[in-house]
Amino acid sequence: MLNNIQNINHKDSGNFFLIAGPCAIEGDKMSIEIAEKILTISNNLKIPFIFKGSYRKANRSRIDSFTGIGDLKALEIIKKIGTSLNIPTTTDIHSADEALLASKYVDILQIPAFLCRQTDILVAAAKTGKIINIKKGQFLSAENMIYAVDKVRESGNNKIMLTDRGTMFGYQDLIVDYRGIPKMQDFNVPVVLDITHSLQKPNQEQGITGGDPDMIETIAKAGIATGVDGIFIETHSDPKNAKSDGMNMLKLDNLENLLEKLIKIRKAIVE
């Protein structure tokens, strides 16, 4: 799969690949600074890196929650990051109509977990010819993701990856079932573990999603030990003041130390 991604570095390093960036594009300066720092870290550690940023947050609990700075403005920022830093980029889409629009700005289209069964979105995304990253619904088993994969394949696109982002555990918590990782790898697609979203605490009474960032290292270590192909981490220089998902993002200053630990685990399981 990495061979299909333009401008990705360190494809032969033997490391997992990294999808990382802020939850939402909050502005030009902030987004570029985060991308530059992650790129420096990933180059030092020889980790293939894909920049992630949501140009719009469509799935919010409350109507007054931050949704974005404007679709085209945010997409232009993502494209600028990809072009200026010579790195691949990804963003999530929320409707079939958005697939073609977003495909003009990014290398990988991400299908949100709550939309992973939406046939029209999957088909429209597939027909752009872009790599499609489908997030596993919190309400689905790993085995059921084969149907999402088949929808993309049967639409003429074999460039697919799957991302596990946890499974609902009651109404206000998530749990990661690591058995799902090898099960989804059996579909002959790369499998990613979304570490930070797996630590969300949804449906809180105040209408703001909670999180448990202290468990990021634990979830990440277990994922690498299980053999994931890639990891997904949302990170921000100041998570407490981030405009979206601040409660479960990794502080950017802590990213390098975490990745160094994960590389050691990766080496141990492949030797």
C-alpha atoms as a PDB file:
ATOM      1  CA  MET A   1       0.000   0.000   0.000  1.00  0.00           C
ATOM      2  CA  LEU A   2       2.777   2.483   0.833  1.00  0.00           C
ATOM      3  CA  ASN A   3       4.004   2.188  -2.745  1.00  0.00           C
ATOM      4  CA  ASN A   4       0.677   3.688  -3.861  1.00  0.00           C
ATOM      5  CA  ILE A   5       1.134   6.796  -1.709  1.00  0.00           C
ATOM      6  CA  GLN A   6       2.926   9.628  -3.458  1.00  0.00           C
ATOM      7  CA  ASN A   7       5.660  11.507  -1.582  1.00  0.00           C
ATOM      8  CA  ILE A   8       5.722   9.192   1.420  1.00  0.00           C
ATOM      9  CA  ASN A   9       9.187   8.737   2.906  1.00  0.00           C
ATOM     10  CA  HIS A  10      10.972   5.807   4.547  1.00  0.00           C
ATOM     11  CA  LYS A  11       8.886   3.110   2.855  1.00  0.00           C
ATOM     12  CA  ASP A  12      11.671   0.558   3.325  1.00  0.00           C
ATOM     13  CA  SER A  13      12.464   1.345   6.959  1.00  0.00           C
ATOM     14  CA  GLY A  14      10.438  -1.549   8.341  1.00  0.00           C
ATOM     15  CA  ASN A  15       8.603   0.801  10.686  1.00  0.00           C
ATOM     16  CA  PHE A  16       4.849   1.218  11.033  1.00  0.00           C
ATOM     17  CA  PHE A  17       3.463   4.236   9.189  1.00  0.00           C
ATOM     18  CA  LEU A  18       2.034   7.254  10.990  1.00  0.00           C
ATOM     19  CA  ILE A  19      -1.119   9.228  10.218  1.00  0.00           C
ATOM     20  CA  ALA A  20      -0.990  12.295  12.438  1.00  0.00           C
ATOM     21  CA  GLY A  21      -2.046  15.909  12.756  1.00  0.00           C
ATOM     22  CA  PRO A  22      -4.625  18.066  14.511  1.00  0.00           C
ATOM     23  CA  CYS A  23      -8.235  17.008  14.819  1.00  0.00           C
ATOM     24  CA  ALA A  24      -9.418  20.012  12.818  1.00  0.00           C
ATOM     25  CA  ILE A  25      -7.738  22.631  10.672  1.00  0.00           C
ATOM     26  CA  GLU A  26      -7.954  25.684  12.930  1.00  0.00           C
ATOM     27  CA  GLY A  27      -5.800  27.976  10.809  1.00  0.00           C
ATOM     28  CA  ASP A  28      -2.803  28.201   8.503  1.00  0.00           C
ATOM     29  CA  LYS A  29       0.012  28.870  10.980  1.00  0.00           C
ATOM     30  CA  MET A  30      -1.028  26.295  13.572  1.00  0.00           C
ATOM     31  CA  SER A  31      -1.529  23.528  11.013  1.00  0.00           C
ATOM     32  CA  ILE A  32       1.775  24.099   9.235  1.00  0.00           C
ATOM     33  CA  GLU A  33       3.730  24.257  12.492  1.00  0.00           C
ATOM     34  CA  ILE A  34       2.249  20.934  13.630  1.00  0.00           C
ATOM     35  CA  ALA A  35       2.960  19.309  10.252  1.00  0.00           C
ATOM     36  CA  GLU A  36       6.548  20.575  10.222  1.00  0.00           C
ATOM     37  CA  LYS A  37       7.263  19.258  13.715  1.00  0.00           C
ATOM     38  CA  ILE A  38       5.780  15.838  12.994  1.00  0.00           C
ATOM     39  CA  LEU A  39       7.743  15.660   9.743  1.00  0.00           C
ATOM     40  CA  THR A  40      10.999  16.453  11.533  1.00  0.00           C
ATOM     41  CA  ILE A  41      10.325  13.767  14.141  1.00  0.00           C
ATOM     42  CA  SER A  42       9.234  11.160  11.610  1.00  0.00           C
ATOM     43  CA  ASN A  43      12.272  11.818   9.410  1.00  0.00           C
ATOM     44  CA  ASN A  44      14.616  11.480  12.398  1.00  0.00           C
ATOM     45  CA  LEU A  45      12.994   8.150  13.305  1.00  0.00           C
ATOM     46  CA  LYS A  46      12.501   6.974   9.699  1.00  0.00           C
ATOM     47  CA  ILE A  47       8.743   6.610  10.056  1.00  0.00           C
ATOM     48  CA  PRO A  48       6.542   7.002   6.952  1.00  0.00           C
ATOM     49  CA  PHE A  49       4.274   9.979   7.687  1.00  0.00           C
ATOM     50  CA  ILE A  50       0.887  11.095   6.365  1.00  0.00           C
ATOM     51  CA  PHE A  51      -0.488  14.441   7.552  1.00  0.00           C
ATOM     52  CA  LYS A  52      -4.099  14.392   8.752  1.00  0.00           C
ATOM     53  CA  GLY A  53      -6.453  17.295   9.312  1.00  0.00           C
ATOM     54  CA  SER A  54     -10.245  17.532   9.140  1.00  0.00           C
ATOM     55  CA  TYR A  55     -11.424  20.392   6.931  1.00  0.00           C
ATOM     56  CA  ARG A  56     -14.850  20.216   8.551  1.00  0.00           C
ATOM     57  CA  LYS A  57     -16.190  18.502  11.669  1.00  0.00           C
ATOM     58  CA  ALA A  58     -19.641  17.285  10.701  1.00  0.00           C
ATOM     59  CA  ASN A  59     -20.293  14.989  13.649  1.00  0.00           C
ATOM     60  CA  ARG A  60     -20.694  17.268  16.650  1.00  0.00           C
ATOM     61  CA  SER A  61     -22.834  16.725  19.732  1.00  0.00           C
ATOM     62  CA  ARG A  62     -23.996  20.331  20.002  1.00  0.00           C
ATOM     63  CA  ILE A  63     -25.001  22.867  17.387  1.00  0.00           C
ATOM     64  CA  ASP A  64     -22.629  25.459  18.892  1.00  0.00           C
ATOM     65  CA  SER A  65     -19.565  23.181  18.614  1.00  0.00           C
ATOM     66  CA  PHE A  66     -16.704  24.229  16.316  1.00  0.00           C
ATOM     67  CA  THR A  67     -17.123  22.770  12.836  1.00  0.00           C
ATOM     68  CA  GLY A  68     -14.416  24.499  10.823  1.00  0.00           C
ATOM     69  CA  ILE A  69     -12.987  27.658   9.290  1.00  0.00           C
ATOM     70  CA  GLY A  70     -14.636  27.106   5.901  1.00  0.00           C
ATOM     71  CA  ASP A  71     -14.333  24.089   3.633  1.00  0.00           C
ATOM     72  CA  LEU A  72     -12.270  25.547   0.807  1.00  0.00           C
ATOM     73  CA  LYS A  73     -10.043  27.558   3.134  1.00  0.00           C
ATOM     74  CA  ALA A  74      -9.214  24.464   5.184  1.00  0.00           C
ATOM     75  CA  LEU A  75      -8.718  22.260   2.128  1.00  0.00           C
ATOM     76  CA  GLU A  76      -6.334  24.835   0.649  1.00  0.00           C
ATOM     77  CA  ILE A  77      -4.304  24.738   3.866  1.00  0.00           C
ATOM     78  CA  ILE A  78      -4.073  20.942   3.707  1.00  0.00           C
ATOM     79  CA  LYS A  79      -3.018  21.107   0.061  1.00  0.00           C
ATOM     80  CA  LYS A  80      -0.421  23.773   0.890  1.00  0.00           C
ATOM     81  CA  ILE A  81       1.035  21.537   3.605  1.00  0.00           C
ATOM     82  CA  GLY A  82       1.260  18.588   1.237  1.00  0.00           C
ATOM     83  CA  THR A  83       2.864  20.629  -1.532  1.00  0.00           C
ATOM     84  CA  SER A  84       5.253  22.743   0.539  1.00  0.00           C
ATOM     85  CA  LEU A  85       6.486  19.872   2.721  1.00  0.00           C
ATOM     86  CA  ASN A  86       6.272  17.232  -0.023  1.00  0.00           C
ATOM     87  CA  ILE A  87       4.232  14.843   2.139  1.00  0.00           C
ATOM     88  CA  PRO A  88       0.989  12.915   1.586  1.00  0.00           C
ATOM     89  CA  THR A  89      -2.188  14.196   3.208  1.00  0.00           C
ATOM     90  CA  THR A  90      -5.607  12.927   4.226  1.00  0.00           C
ATOM     91  CA  THR A  91      -8.937  14.317   5.369  1.00  0.00           C
ATOM     92  CA  ASP A  92     -12.367  12.873   6.102  1.00  0.00           C
ATOM     93  CA  ILE A  93     -15.467  13.300   3.980  1.00  0.00           C
ATOM     94  CA  HIS A  94     -19.100  13.207   5.048  1.00  0.00           C
ATOM     95  CA  SER A  95     -21.162  12.800   1.882  1.00  0.00           C
ATOM     96  CA  ALA A  96     -20.861  11.421  -1.631  1.00  0.00           C
ATOM     97  CA  ASP A  97     -20.672  14.966  -3.025  1.00  0.00           C
ATOM     98  CA  GLU A  98     -17.638  15.743  -0.891  1.00  0.00           C
ATOM     99  CA  ALA A  99     -15.593  12.863  -2.310  1.00  0.00           C
ATOM    100  CA  LEU A 100     -14.764  14.548  -5.604  1.00  0.00           C
ATOM    101  CA  LEU A 101     -14.174  17.928  -3.953  1.00  0.00           C
ATOM    102  CA  ALA A 102     -11.767  16.638  -1.306  1.00  0.00           C
ATOM    103  CA  SER A 103      -9.957  14.375  -3.777  1.00  0.00           C
ATOM    104  CA  LYS A 104      -8.618  17.476  -5.518  1.00  0.00           C
ATOM    105  CA  TYR A 105      -6.744  18.480  -2.375  1.00  0.00           C
ATOM    106  CA  VAL A 106      -5.563  15.279  -0.629  1.00  0.00           C
ATOM    107  CA  ASP A 107      -3.969  11.915  -1.389  1.00  0.00           C
ATOM    108  CA  ILE A 108      -6.161   9.751   0.857  1.00  0.00           C
ATOM    109  CA  LEU A 109      -9.884  10.024   1.549  1.00  0.00           C
ATOM    110  CA  GLN A 110     -10.972   8.980   5.024  1.00  0.00           C
ATOM    111  CA  ILE A 111     -14.453   7.599   5.665  1.00  0.00           C
ATOM    112  CA  PRO A 112     -15.583   8.373   9.236  1.00  0.00           C
ATOM    113  CA  ALA A 113     -16.541   5.442  11.426  1.00  0.00           C
ATOM    114  CA  PHE A 114     -20.167   6.511  11.729  1.00  0.00           C
ATOM    115  CA  LEU A 115     -20.450   6.539   7.909  1.00  0.00           C
ATOM    116  CA  CYS A 116     -18.589   3.319   7.088  1.00  0.00           C
ATOM    117  CA  ARG A 117     -21.794   1.549   5.949  1.00  0.00           C
ATOM    118  CA  GLN A 118     -22.953   4.377   3.662  1.00  0.00           C
ATOM    119  CA  THR A 119     -22.799   2.797   0.226  1.00  0.00           C
ATOM    120  CA  ASP A 120     -23.073   6.034  -1.763  1.00  0.00           C
ATOM    121  CA  ILE A 121     -20.132   7.572   0.095  1.00  0.00           C
ATOM    122  CA  LEU A 122     -17.946   4.494  -0.307  1.00  0.00           C
ATOM    123  CA  VAL A 123     -18.735   4.196  -4.020  1.00  0.00           C
ATOM    124  CA  ALA A 124     -18.164   7.901  -4.679  1.00  0.00           C
ATOM    125  CA  ALA A 125     -14.869   7.815  -2.799  1.00  0.00           C
ATOM    126  CA  ALA A 126     -13.760   4.687  -4.664  1.00  0.00           C
ATOM    127  CA  LYS A 127     -14.473   6.274  -8.038  1.00  0.00           C
ATOM    128  CA  THR A 128     -12.056   9.154  -7.352  1.00  0.00           C
ATOM    129  CA  GLY A 129      -9.209   6.641  -7.636  1.00  0.00           C
ATOM    130  CA  LYS A 130      -7.718   7.869  -4.374  1.00  0.00           C
ATOM    131  CA  ILE A 131      -6.604   5.612  -1.536  1.00  0.00           C
ATOM    132  CA  ILE A 132      -9.582   5.067   0.763  1.00  0.00           C
ATOM    133  CA  ASN A 133      -9.140   4.739   4.525  1.00  0.00           C
ATOM    134  CA  ILE A 134     -12.325   3.354   6.067  1.00  0.00           C
ATOM    135  CA  LYS A 135     -12.707   3.661   9.806  1.00  0.00           C
ATOM    136  CA  LYS A 136     -14.435   0.750  11.505  1.00  0.00           C
ATOM    137  CA  GLY A 137     -17.755   1.739  12.998  1.00  0.00           C
ATOM    138  CA  GLN A 138     -17.835   1.686  16.786  1.00  0.00           C
ATOM    139  CA  PHE A 139     -20.990  -0.412  16.365  1.00  0.00           C
ATOM    140  CA  LEU A 140     -19.485  -3.048  14.026  1.00  0.00           C
ATOM    141  CA  SER A 141     -17.404  -6.163  14.484  1.00  0.00           C
ATOM    142  CA  ALA A 142     -14.103  -6.426  12.657  1.00  0.00           C
ATOM    143  CA  GLU A 143     -15.521  -9.237  10.518  1.00  0.00           C
ATOM    144  CA  ASN A 144     -18.322  -6.996   9.224  1.00  0.00           C
ATOM    145  CA  MET A 145     -15.843  -4.546   7.711  1.00  0.00           C
ATOM    146  CA  ILE A 146     -15.376  -6.920   4.776  1.00  0.00           C
ATOM    147  CA  TYR A 147     -18.605  -5.522   3.322  1.00  0.00           C
ATOM    148  CA  ALA A 148     -17.223  -1.981   3.332  1.00  0.00           C
ATOM    149  CA  VAL A 149     -14.042  -3.255   1.694  1.00  0.00           C
ATOM    150  CA  ASP A 150     -16.065  -5.107  -0.938  1.00  0.00           C
ATOM    151  CA  LYS A 151     -18.077  -1.987  -1.789  1.00  0.00           C
ATOM    152  CA  VAL A 152     -14.886  -0.117  -2.643  1.00  0.00           C
ATOM    153  CA  ARG A 153     -13.313  -3.034  -4.480  1.00  0.00           C
ATOM    154  CA  GLU A 154     -16.435  -3.720  -6.501  1.00  0.00           C
ATOM    155  CA  SER A 155     -16.448  -0.045  -7.495  1.00  0.00           C
ATOM    156  CA  GLY A 156     -13.077  -0.554  -9.168  1.00  0.00           C
ATOM    157  CA  ASN A 157     -10.682   0.587  -6.442  1.00  0.00           C
ATOM    158  CA  ASN A 158      -8.290  -1.773  -4.640  1.00  0.00           C
ATOM    159  CA  LYS A 159      -6.400   0.946  -2.746  1.00  0.00           C
ATOM    160  CA  ILE A 160      -7.980   0.446   0.670  1.00  0.00           C
ATOM    161  CA  MET A 161      -6.912   0.593   4.291  1.00  0.00           C
ATOM    162  CA  LEU A 162      -8.970   0.024   7.426  1.00  0.00           C
ATOM    163  CA  THR A 163      -8.699   1.832  10.737  1.00  0.00           C
ATOM    164  CA  ASP A 164      -9.915   0.540  14.089  1.00  0.00           C
ATOM    165  CA  ARG A 165     -11.013   3.313  16.449  1.00  0.00           C
ATOM    166  CA  GLY A 166     -12.520   1.288  19.264  1.00  0.00           C
ATOM    167  CA  THR A 167     -15.879  -0.322  19.951  1.00  0.00           C
ATOM    168  CA  MET A 168     -18.706   1.041  22.082  1.00  0.00           C
ATOM    169  CA  PHE A 169     -18.602  -0.190  25.663  1.00  0.00           C
ATOM    170  CA  GLY A 170     -21.864   0.922  27.194  1.00  0.00           C
ATOM    171  CA  TYR A 171     -23.054   4.401  26.275  1.00  0.00           C
ATOM    172  CA  GLN A 172     -20.111   6.552  27.334  1.00  0.00           C
ATOM    173  CA  ASP A 173     -16.928   4.606  26.744  1.00  0.00           C
ATOM    174  CA  LEU A 174     -14.949   2.696  24.128  1.00  0.00           C
ATOM    175  CA  ILE A 175     -12.776  -0.397  24.296  1.00  0.00           C
ATOM    176  CA  VAL A 176     -10.197  -1.695  21.808  1.00  0.00           C
ATOM    177  CA  ASP A 177     -10.605  -5.332  20.833  1.00  0.00           C
ATOM    178  CA  TYR A 178      -7.146  -6.164  19.508  1.00  0.00           C
ATOM    179  CA  ARG A 179      -8.426  -9.403  17.990  1.00  0.00           C
ATOM    180  CA  GLY A 180      -9.935  -7.259  15.263  1.00  0.00           C
ATOM    181  CA  ILE A 181      -6.564  -6.164  13.913  1.00  0.00           C
ATOM    182  CA  PRO A 182      -5.418  -9.540  12.493  1.00  0.00           C
ATOM    183  CA  LYS A 183      -8.997 -10.313  11.480  1.00  0.00           C
ATOM    184  CA  MET A 184      -9.134  -7.204   9.290  1.00  0.00           C
ATOM    185  CA  GLN A 185      -5.612  -7.837   7.981  1.00  0.00           C
ATOM    186  CA  ASP A 186      -7.006 -11.109   6.615  1.00  0.00           C
ATOM    187  CA  PHE A 187      -8.887  -8.961   4.074  1.00  0.00           C
ATOM    188  CA  ASN A 188      -5.476  -8.200   2.514  1.00  0.00           C
ATOM    189  CA  VAL A 189      -5.535  -4.525   3.439  1.00  0.00           C
ATOM    190  CA  PRO A 190      -3.289  -2.512   5.776  1.00  0.00           C
ATOM    191  CA  VAL A 191      -4.833  -1.993   9.198  1.00  0.00           C
ATOM    192  CA  VAL A 192      -4.335   1.140  11.268  1.00  0.00           C
ATOM    193  CA  LEU A 193      -5.084   1.707  14.943  1.00  0.00           C
ATOM    194  CA  ASP A 194      -6.572   5.109  15.733  1.00  0.00           C
ATOM    195  CA  ILE A 195      -5.104   5.519  19.176  1.00  0.00           C
ATOM    196  CA  THR A 196      -6.514   8.849  20.272  1.00  0.00           C
ATOM    197  CA  HIS A 197     -10.110   8.364  19.107  1.00  0.00           C
ATOM    198  CA  SER A 198     -10.129   4.953  20.793  1.00  0.00           C
ATOM    199  CA  LEU A 199      -9.785   6.844  24.065  1.00  0.00           C
ATOM    200  CA  GLN A 200     -12.805   9.072  23.595  1.00  0.00           C
ATOM    201  CA  LYS A 201     -15.620   9.104  26.105  1.00  0.00           C
ATOM    202  CA  PRO A 202     -18.629   9.992  23.954  1.00  0.00           C
ATOM    203  CA  ASN A 203     -22.145  11.075  24.899  1.00  0.00           C
ATOM    204  CA  GLN A 204     -21.195  13.054  27.984  1.00  0.00           C
ATOM    205  CA  GLU A 205     -24.015  14.960  29.666  1.00  0.00           C
ATOM    206  CA  GLN A 206     -22.529  18.375  28.828  1.00  0.00           C
ATOM    207  CA  GLY A 207     -22.485  17.502  25.113  1.00  0.00           C
ATOM    208  CA  ILE A 208     -18.678  17.630  24.841  1.00  0.00           C
ATOM    209  CA  THR A 209     -16.808  14.404  24.136  1.00  0.00           C
ATOM    210  CA  GLY A 210     -14.420  13.428  26.907  1.00  0.00           C
ATOM    211  CA  GLY A 211     -11.227  11.433  26.692  1.00  0.00           C
ATOM    212  CA  ASP A 212      -8.449   9.654  28.550  1.00  0.00           C
ATOM    213  CA  PRO A 213      -5.121  10.874  27.094  1.00  0.00           C
ATOM    214  CA  ASP A 214      -3.152   9.292  29.934  1.00  0.00           C
ATOM    215  CA  MET A 215      -3.848   5.932  28.259  1.00  0.00           C
ATOM    216  CA  ILE A 216      -2.428   6.904  24.839  1.00  0.00           C
ATOM    217  CA  GLU A 217       0.892   5.161  25.445  1.00  0.00           C
ATOM    218  CA  THR A 218      -0.796   2.003  26.732  1.00  0.00           C
ATOM    219  CA  ILE A 219      -3.140   1.697  23.733  1.00  0.00           C
ATOM    220  CA  ALA A 220      -0.325   2.505  21.297  1.00  0.00           C
ATOM    221  CA  LYS A 221       2.083  -0.061  22.745  1.00  0.00           C
ATOM    222  CA  ALA A 222      -0.559  -2.784  22.631  1.00  0.00           C
ATOM    223  CA  GLY A 223      -1.417  -1.924  19.036  1.00  0.00           C
ATOM    224  CA  ILE A 224       2.189  -2.146  17.861  1.00  0.00           C
ATOM    225  CA  ALA A 225       2.649  -5.408  19.769  1.00  0.00           C
ATOM    226  CA  THR A 226      -0.434  -6.783  18.020  1.00  0.00           C
ATOM    227  CA  GLY A 227       1.136  -5.983  14.651  1.00  0.00           C
ATOM    228  CA  VAL A 228      -0.776  -3.009  13.231  1.00  0.00           C
ATOM    229  CA  ASP A 229       0.551  -1.669   9.957  1.00  0.00           C
ATOM    230  CA  GLY A 230       0.044   1.942  10.942  1.00  0.00           C
ATOM    231  CA  ILE A 231      -1.057   4.173  13.785  1.00  0.00           C
ATOM    232  CA  PHE A 232      -3.292   7.236  13.798  1.00  0.00           C
ATOM    233  CA  ILE A 233      -2.683   9.970  16.360  1.00  0.00           C
ATOM    234  CA  GLU A 234      -4.311  13.358  16.659  1.00  0.00           C
ATOM    235  CA  THR A 235      -1.886  15.804  18.196  1.00  0.00           C
ATOM    236  CA  HIS A 236      -1.851  19.489  19.067  1.00  0.00           C
ATOM    237  CA  SER A 237       0.623  21.858  20.675  1.00  0.00           C
ATOM    238  CA  ASP A 238      -2.047  22.912  23.200  1.00  0.00           C
ATOM    239  CA  PRO A 239      -4.763  20.225  23.427  1.00  0.00           C
ATOM    240  CA  LYS A 240      -6.609  21.920  26.277  1.00  0.00           C
ATOM    241  CA  ASN A 241      -7.337  24.892  24.022  1.00  0.00           C
ATOM    242  CA  ALA A 242      -7.912  22.953  20.800  1.00  0.00           C
ATOM    243  CA  LYS A 243     -11.210  23.699  19.103  1.00  0.00           C
ATOM    244  CA  SER A 244     -12.105  20.027  18.623  1.00  0.00           C
ATOM    245  CA  ASP A 245     -11.334  16.768  20.468  1.00  0.00           C
ATOM    246  CA  GLY A 246      -8.865  18.385  22.838  1.00  0.00           C
ATOM    247  CA  MET A 247      -9.773  15.925  25.581  1.00  0.00           C
ATOM    248  CA  ASN A 248      -8.183  12.960  23.812  1.00  0.00           C
ATOM    249  CA  MET A 249      -5.378  14.471  21.702  1.00  0.00           C
ATOM    250  CA  LEU A 250      -1.687  13.908  22.383  1.00  0.00           C
ATOM    251  CA  LYS A 251       0.374  16.934  23.331  1.00  0.00           C
ATOM    252  CA  LEU A 252       2.770  17.476  20.437  1.00  0.00           C
ATOM    253  CA  ASP A 253       5.797  17.734  22.741  1.00  0.00           C
ATOM    254  CA  ASN A 254       5.183  14.127  23.827  1.00  0.00           C
ATOM    255  CA  LEU A 255       5.038  12.611  20.344  1.00  0.00           C
ATOM    256  CA  GLU A 256       8.725  11.896  19.753  1.00  0.00           C
ATOM    257  CA  ASN A 257       9.217  10.053  23.033  1.00  0.00           C
ATOM    258  CA  LEU A 258       6.145   7.905  22.370  1.00  0.00           C
ATOM    259  CA  LEU A 259       7.265   7.004  18.849  1.00  0.00           C
ATOM    260  CA  GLU A 260      10.732   6.045  20.075  1.00  0.00           C
ATOM    261  CA  LYS A 261       9.161   3.549  22.490  1.00  0.00           C
ATOM    262  CA  LEU A 262       6.896   2.146  19.784  1.00  0.00           C
ATOM    263  CA  ILE A 263       9.811   1.618  17.393  1.00  0.00           C
ATOM    264  CA  LYS A 264      11.540  -0.537  20.025  1.00  0.00           C
ATOM    265  CA  ILE A 265       8.434  -2.711  20.322  1.00  0.00           C
ATOM    266  CA  ARG A 266       8.155  -2.947  16.530  1.00  0.00           C
ATOM    267  CA  LYS A 267      11.758  -4.128  16.256  1.00  0.00           C
ATOM    268  CA  ALA A 268      11.208  -6.711  18.976  1.00  0.00           C
ATOM    269  CA  ILE A 269       8.214  -8.325  17.254  1.00  0.00           C
ATOM    270  CA  VAL A 270       9.748  -8.476  13.775  1.00  0.00           C
ATOM    271  CA  GLU A 271      13.147  -9.869  14.795  1.00  0.00           C
END
